[in-house]
PDB file of N, CA and C in Angstrom:
ATOM      1  N   MET A   1     -11.254  -2.441 -19.364  1.00  0.00           N
ATOM      2  CA  MET A   1     -12.350  -2.441 -20.290  1.00  0.00           C
ATOM      3  C   MET A   1     -12.490  -3.859 -20.828  1.00  0.00           C
ATOM      4  N   ILE A   2     -13.692  -4.360 -20.827  1.00  0.00           N
ATOM      5  CA  ILE A   2     -13.989  -5.651 -21.431  1.00  0.00           C
ATOM      6  C   ILE A   2     -14.935  -5.400 -22.592  1.00  0.00           C
ATOM      7  N   THR A   3     -14.543  -5.868 -23.750  1.00  0.00           N
ATOM      8  CA  THR A   3     -15.376  -5.716 -24.938  1.00  0.00           C
ATOM      9  C   THR A   3     -15.667  -7.099 -25.481  1.00  0.00           C
ATOM     10  N   HIS A   4     -16.904  -7.372 -25.697  1.00  0.00           N
ATOM     11  CA  HIS A   4     -17.290  -8.689 -26.177  1.00  0.00           C
ATOM     12  C   HIS A   4     -17.323  -8.766 -27.693  1.00  0.00           C
ATOM     13  N   GLN A   5     -17.497  -7.637 -28.333  1.00  0.00           N
ATOM     14  CA  GLN A   5     -17.562  -7.627 -29.790  1.00  0.00           C
ATOM     15  C   GLN A   5     -17.120  -6.255 -30.285  1.00  0.00           C
ATOM     16  N   ILE A   6     -16.305  -6.236 -31.304  1.00  0.00           N
ATOM     17  CA  ILE A   6     -15.880  -4.975 -31.906  1.00  0.00           C
ATOM     18  C   ILE A   6     -16.478  -4.920 -33.303  1.00  0.00           C
ATOM     19  N   THR A   7     -17.278  -3.890 -33.543  1.00  0.00           N
ATOM     20  CA  THR A   7     -17.975  -3.766 -34.823  1.00  0.00           C
ATOM     21  C   THR A   7     -17.335  -2.744 -35.749  1.00  0.00           C
ATOM     22  N   GLY A   8     -16.470  -1.873 -35.197  1.00  0.00           N
ATOM     23  CA  GLY A   8     -15.826  -0.845 -36.000  1.00  0.00           C
ATOM     24  C   GLY A   8     -16.365   0.543 -35.738  1.00  0.00           C
ATOM     25  N   ASP A   9     -17.409   0.658 -34.925  1.00  0.00           N
ATOM     26  CA  ASP A   9     -18.002   1.960 -34.608  1.00  0.00           C
ATOM     27  C   ASP A   9     -17.637   2.451 -33.211  1.00  0.00           C
ATOM     28  N   GLU A  10     -16.802   1.733 -32.490  1.00  0.00           N
ATOM     29  CA  GLU A  10     -16.483   2.074 -31.107  1.00  0.00           C
ATOM     30  C   GLU A  10     -15.679   3.370 -31.024  1.00  0.00           C
ATOM     31  N   PRO A  11     -15.957   4.201 -30.014  1.00  0.00           N
ATOM     32  CA  PRO A  11     -15.245   5.477 -29.878  1.00  0.00           C
ATOM     33  C   PRO A  11     -13.777   5.313 -29.488  1.00  0.00           C
ATOM     34  N   PHE A  12     -13.385   4.151 -28.990  1.00  0.00           N
ATOM     35  CA  PHE A  12     -12.010   3.956 -28.536  1.00  0.00           C
ATOM     36  C   PHE A  12     -11.068   3.467 -29.634  1.00  0.00           C
ATOM     37  N   LEU A  13     -11.541   3.272 -30.837  1.00  0.00           N
ATOM     38  CA  LEU A  13     -10.696   2.705 -31.895  1.00  0.00           C
ATOM     39  C   LEU A  13      -9.526   3.602 -32.283  1.00  0.00           C
ATOM     40  N   ASP A  14      -9.623   4.900 -32.062  1.00  0.00           N
ATOM     41  CA  ASP A  14      -8.521   5.816 -32.373  1.00  0.00           C
ATOM     42  C   ASP A  14      -7.567   5.997 -31.201  1.00  0.00           C
ATOM     43  N   CYS A  15      -7.835   5.340 -30.089  1.00  0.00           N
ATOM     44  CA  CYS A  15      -7.005   5.470 -28.887  1.00  0.00           C
ATOM     45  C   CYS A  15      -5.846   4.476 -28.932  1.00  0.00           C
ATOM     46  N   THR A  16      -4.786   4.811 -28.219  1.00  0.00           N
ATOM     47  CA  THR A  16      -3.710   3.846 -28.031  1.00  0.00           C
ATOM     48  C   THR A  16      -4.181   2.811 -27.021  1.00  0.00           C
ATOM     49  N   LEU A  17      -3.513   1.670 -26.999  1.00  0.00           N
ATOM     50  CA  LEU A  17      -3.873   0.659 -26.001  1.00  0.00           C
ATOM     51  C   LEU A  17      -3.683   1.202 -24.594  1.00  0.00           C
ATOM     52  N   ARG A  18      -2.609   1.951 -24.383  1.00  0.00           N
ATOM     53  CA  ARG A  18      -2.358   2.527 -23.057  1.00  0.00           C
ATOM     54  C   ARG A  18      -3.497   3.443 -22.627  1.00  0.00           C
ATOM     55  N   ALA A  19      -4.024   4.239 -23.566  1.00  0.00           N
ATOM     56  CA  ALA A  19      -5.118   5.162 -23.248  1.00  0.00           C
ATOM     57  C   ALA A  19      -6.395   4.421 -22.863  1.00  0.00           C
ATOM     58  N   THR A  20      -6.546   3.192 -23.329  1.00  0.00           N
ATOM     59  CA  THR A  20      -7.738   2.420 -22.970  1.00  0.00           C
ATOM     60  C   THR A  20      -7.541   1.621 -21.691  1.00  0.00           C
ATOM     61  N   GLY A  21      -6.335   1.698 -21.104  1.00  0.00           N
ATOM     62  CA  GLY A  21      -6.081   1.009 -19.843  1.00  0.00           C
ATOM     63  C   GLY A  21      -5.361  -0.317 -19.979  1.00  0.00           C
ATOM     64  N   VAL A  22      -4.927  -0.664 -21.179  1.00  0.00           N
ATOM     65  CA  VAL A  22      -4.185  -1.908 -21.374  1.00  0.00           C
ATOM     66  C   VAL A  22      -2.744  -1.665 -20.949  1.00  0.00           C
ATOM     67  N   ALA A  23      -2.260  -2.481 -20.029  1.00  0.00           N
ATOM     68  CA  ALA A  23      -0.916  -2.315 -19.483  1.00  0.00           C
ATOM     69  C   ALA A  23       0.140  -2.880 -20.435  1.00  0.00           C
ATOM     70  N   SER A  24       1.372  -2.398 -20.293  1.00  0.00           N
ATOM     71  CA  SER A  24       2.490  -2.962 -21.049  1.00  0.00           C
ATOM     72  C   SER A  24       2.627  -4.436 -20.701  1.00  0.00           C
ATOM     73  N   TRP A  25       2.941  -5.229 -21.672  1.00  0.00           N
ATOM     74  CA  TRP A  25       3.159  -6.670 -21.537  1.00  0.00           C
ATOM     75  C   TRP A  25       1.898  -7.427 -21.117  1.00  0.00           C
ATOM     76  N   GLU A  26       0.764  -6.839 -21.371  1.00  0.00           N
ATOM     77  CA  GLU A  26      -0.516  -7.500 -21.106  1.00  0.00           C
ATOM     78  C   GLU A  26      -0.703  -8.638 -22.104  1.00  0.00           C
ATOM     79  N   ILE A  27      -1.493  -9.601 -21.751  1.00  0.00           N
ATOM     80  CA  ILE A  27      -1.869 -10.669 -22.672  1.00  0.00           C
ATOM     81  C   ILE A  27      -3.350 -10.505 -22.959  1.00  0.00           C
ATOM     82  N   LEU A  28      -3.669 -10.323 -24.232  1.00  0.00           N
ATOM     83  CA  LEU A  28      -5.056 -10.145 -24.654  1.00  0.00           C
ATOM     84  C   LEU A  28      -5.514 -11.388 -25.396  1.00  0.00           C
ATOM     85  N   ALA A  29      -6.767 -11.733 -25.214  1.00  0.00           N
ATOM     86  CA  ALA A  29      -7.347 -12.876 -25.924  1.00  0.00           C
ATOM     87  C   ALA A  29      -8.313 -12.363 -26.974  1.00  0.00           C
ATOM     88  N   GLY A  30      -8.301 -13.003 -28.106  1.00  0.00           N
ATOM     89  CA  GLY A  30      -9.250 -12.692 -29.165  1.00  0.00           C
ATOM     90  C   GLY A  30      -9.890 -13.986 -29.645  1.00  0.00           C
ATOM     91  N   ARG A  31     -11.127 -13.891 -30.063  1.00  0.00           N
ATOM     92  CA  ARG A  31     -11.817 -15.106 -30.481  1.00  0.00           C
ATOM     93  C   ARG A  31     -12.717 -14.803 -31.660  1.00  0.00           C
ATOM     94  N   ALA A  32     -12.768 -15.749 -32.583  1.00  0.00           N
ATOM     95  CA  ALA A  32     -13.704 -15.714 -33.708  1.00  0.00           C
ATOM     96  C   ALA A  32     -14.300 -17.108 -33.801  1.00  0.00           C
ATOM     97  N   GLY A  33     -15.566 -17.229 -33.460  1.00  0.00           N
ATOM     98  CA  GLY A  33     -16.187 -18.552 -33.418  1.00  0.00           C
ATOM     99  C   GLY A  33     -15.540 -19.385 -32.333  1.00  0.00           C
ATOM    100  N   PHE A  34     -15.033 -20.564 -32.697  1.00  0.00           N
ATOM    101  CA  PHE A  34     -14.382 -21.436 -31.719  1.00  0.00           C
ATOM    102  C   PHE A  34     -12.868 -21.256 -31.691  1.00  0.00           C
ATOM    103  N   GLU A  35     -12.335 -20.429 -32.569  1.00  0.00           N
ATOM    104  CA  GLU A  35     -10.894 -20.204 -32.623  1.00  0.00           C
ATOM    105  C   GLU A  35     -10.513 -19.073 -31.680  1.00  0.00           C
ATOM    106  N   GLN A  36      -9.568 -19.348 -30.774  1.00  0.00           N
ATOM    107  CA  GLN A  36      -9.126 -18.341 -29.822  1.00  0.00           C
ATOM    108  C   GLN A  36      -7.617 -18.183 -29.946  1.00  0.00           C
ATOM    109  N   VAL A  37      -7.154 -16.941 -29.936  1.00  0.00           N
ATOM    110  CA  VAL A  37      -5.725 -16.641 -29.987  1.00  0.00           C
ATOM    111  C   VAL A  37      -5.391 -15.657 -28.873  1.00  0.00           C
ATOM    112  N   TYR A  38      -4.130 -15.659 -28.471  1.00  0.00           N
ATOM    113  CA  TYR A  38      -3.655 -14.766 -27.422  1.00  0.00           C
ATOM    114  C   TYR A  38      -2.532 -13.907 -27.986  1.00  0.00           C
ATOM    115  N   PHE A  39      -2.488 -12.667 -27.540  1.00  0.00           N
ATOM    116  CA  PHE A  39      -1.473 -11.719 -27.979  1.00  0.00           C
ATOM    117  C   PHE A  39      -0.747 -11.185 -26.753  1.00  0.00           C
ATOM    118  N   GLU A  40       0.570 -11.401 -26.689  1.00  0.00           N
ATOM    119  CA  GLU A  40       1.379 -10.820 -25.621  1.00  0.00           C
ATOM    120  C   GLU A  40       1.952  -9.516 -26.156  1.00  0.00           C
ATOM    121  N   LEU A  41       1.664  -8.431 -25.491  1.00  0.00           N
ATOM    122  CA  LEU A  41       2.080  -7.106 -25.955  1.00  0.00           C
ATOM    123  C   LEU A  41       3.459  -6.782 -25.395  1.00  0.00           C
ATOM    124  N   SER A  42       4.482  -7.368 -25.992  1.00  0.00           N
ATOM    125  CA  SER A  42       5.837  -7.208 -25.468  1.00  0.00           C
ATOM    126  C   SER A  42       6.798  -6.615 -26.485  1.00  0.00           C
ATOM    127  N   GLY A  43       6.309  -6.104 -27.595  1.00  0.00           N
ATOM    128  CA  GLY A  43       7.178  -5.577 -28.639  1.00  0.00           C
ATOM    129  C   GLY A  43       8.051  -4.413 -28.206  1.00  0.00           C
ATOM    130  N   ASP A  44       7.608  -3.623 -27.237  1.00  0.00           N
ATOM    131  CA  ASP A  44       8.374  -2.465 -26.767  1.00  0.00           C
ATOM    132  C   ASP A  44       9.194  -2.767 -25.518  1.00  0.00           C
ATOM    133  N   ARG A  45       9.249  -4.004 -25.105  1.00  0.00           N
ATOM    134  CA  ARG A  45       9.885  -4.339 -23.834  1.00  0.00           C
ATOM    135  C   ARG A  45      11.347  -3.870 -23.764  1.00  0.00           C
ATOM    136  N   ALA A  46      12.151  -4.168 -24.766  1.00  0.00           N
ATOM    137  CA  ALA A  46      13.567  -3.783 -24.737  1.00  0.00           C
ATOM    138  C   ALA A  46      13.712  -2.269 -24.672  1.00  0.00           C
ATOM    139  N   TYR A  47      12.915  -1.554 -25.442  1.00  0.00           N
ATOM    140  CA  TYR A  47      12.956  -0.092 -25.431  1.00  0.00           C
ATOM    141  C   TYR A  47      12.587   0.442 -24.051  1.00  0.00           C
ATOM    142  N   MET A  48      11.532  -0.100 -23.464  1.00  0.00           N
ATOM    143  CA  MET A  48      11.077   0.375 -22.157  1.00  0.00           C
ATOM    144  C   MET A  48      12.108   0.068 -21.078  1.00  0.00           C
ATOM    145  N   GLU A  49      12.731  -1.094 -21.151  1.00  0.00           N
ATOM    146  CA  GLU A  49      13.737  -1.449 -20.155  1.00  0.00           C
ATOM    147  C   GLU A  49      14.965  -0.551 -20.272  1.00  0.00           C
ATOM    148  N   ARG A  50      15.375  -0.219 -21.492  1.00  0.00           N
ATOM    149  CA  ARG A  50      16.501   0.717 -21.672  1.00  0.00           C
ATOM    150  C   ARG A  50      16.131   2.084 -21.121  1.00  0.00           C
ATOM    151  N   GLY A  51      14.910   2.538 -21.394  1.00  0.00           N
ATOM    152  CA  GLY A  51      14.462   3.839 -20.907  1.00  0.00           C
ATOM    153  C   GLY A  51      14.416   3.897 -19.396  1.00  0.00           C
ATOM    154  N   ALA A  52      14.000   2.801 -18.761  1.00  0.00           N
ATOM    155  CA  ALA A  52      13.930   2.758 -17.301  1.00  0.00           C
ATOM    156  C   ALA A  52      15.332   2.873 -16.702  1.00  0.00           C
ATOM    157  N   LYS A  53      16.308   2.243 -17.350  1.00  0.00           N
ATOM    158  CA  LYS A  53      17.685   2.325 -16.860  1.00  0.00           C
ATOM    159  C   LYS A  53      18.226   3.744 -16.981  1.00  0.00           C
ATOM    160  N   ASN A  54      17.748   4.477 -17.975  1.00  0.00           N
ATOM    161  CA  ASN A  54      18.206   5.851 -18.195  1.00  0.00           C
ATOM    162  C   ASN A  54      17.325   6.877 -17.492  1.00  0.00           C
ATOM    163  N   GLY A  55      16.372   6.410 -16.697  1.00  0.00           N
ATOM    164  CA  GLY A  55      15.511   7.328 -15.958  1.00  0.00           C
ATOM    165  C   GLY A  55      14.326   7.853 -16.742  1.00  0.00           C
ATOM    166  N   HIS A  56      14.001   7.247 -17.875  1.00  0.00           N
ATOM    167  CA  HIS A  56      12.874   7.689 -18.703  1.00  0.00           C
ATOM    168  C   HIS A  56      11.784   6.633 -18.708  1.00  0.00           C
ATOM    169  N   ARG A  57      10.550   7.066 -18.912  1.00  0.00           N
ATOM    170  CA  ARG A  57       9.410   6.147 -19.066  1.00  0.00           C
ATOM    171  C   ARG A  57       8.386   6.789 -19.906  1.00  0.00           C
TER     172      ARG A  57
END
């Protein structure tokens, strides 16, 4: 999904990132005017790696 602007009325706002198709450890870009920032979604990495070793996902 590519969204150019989020106004607050989008139907996907109550969805998890995974439900919208964003993969684990994805890098998302956000921009406001000329300022651009990137977000690496890696906060759950250690948990997911432990789960994979134990046969869970």
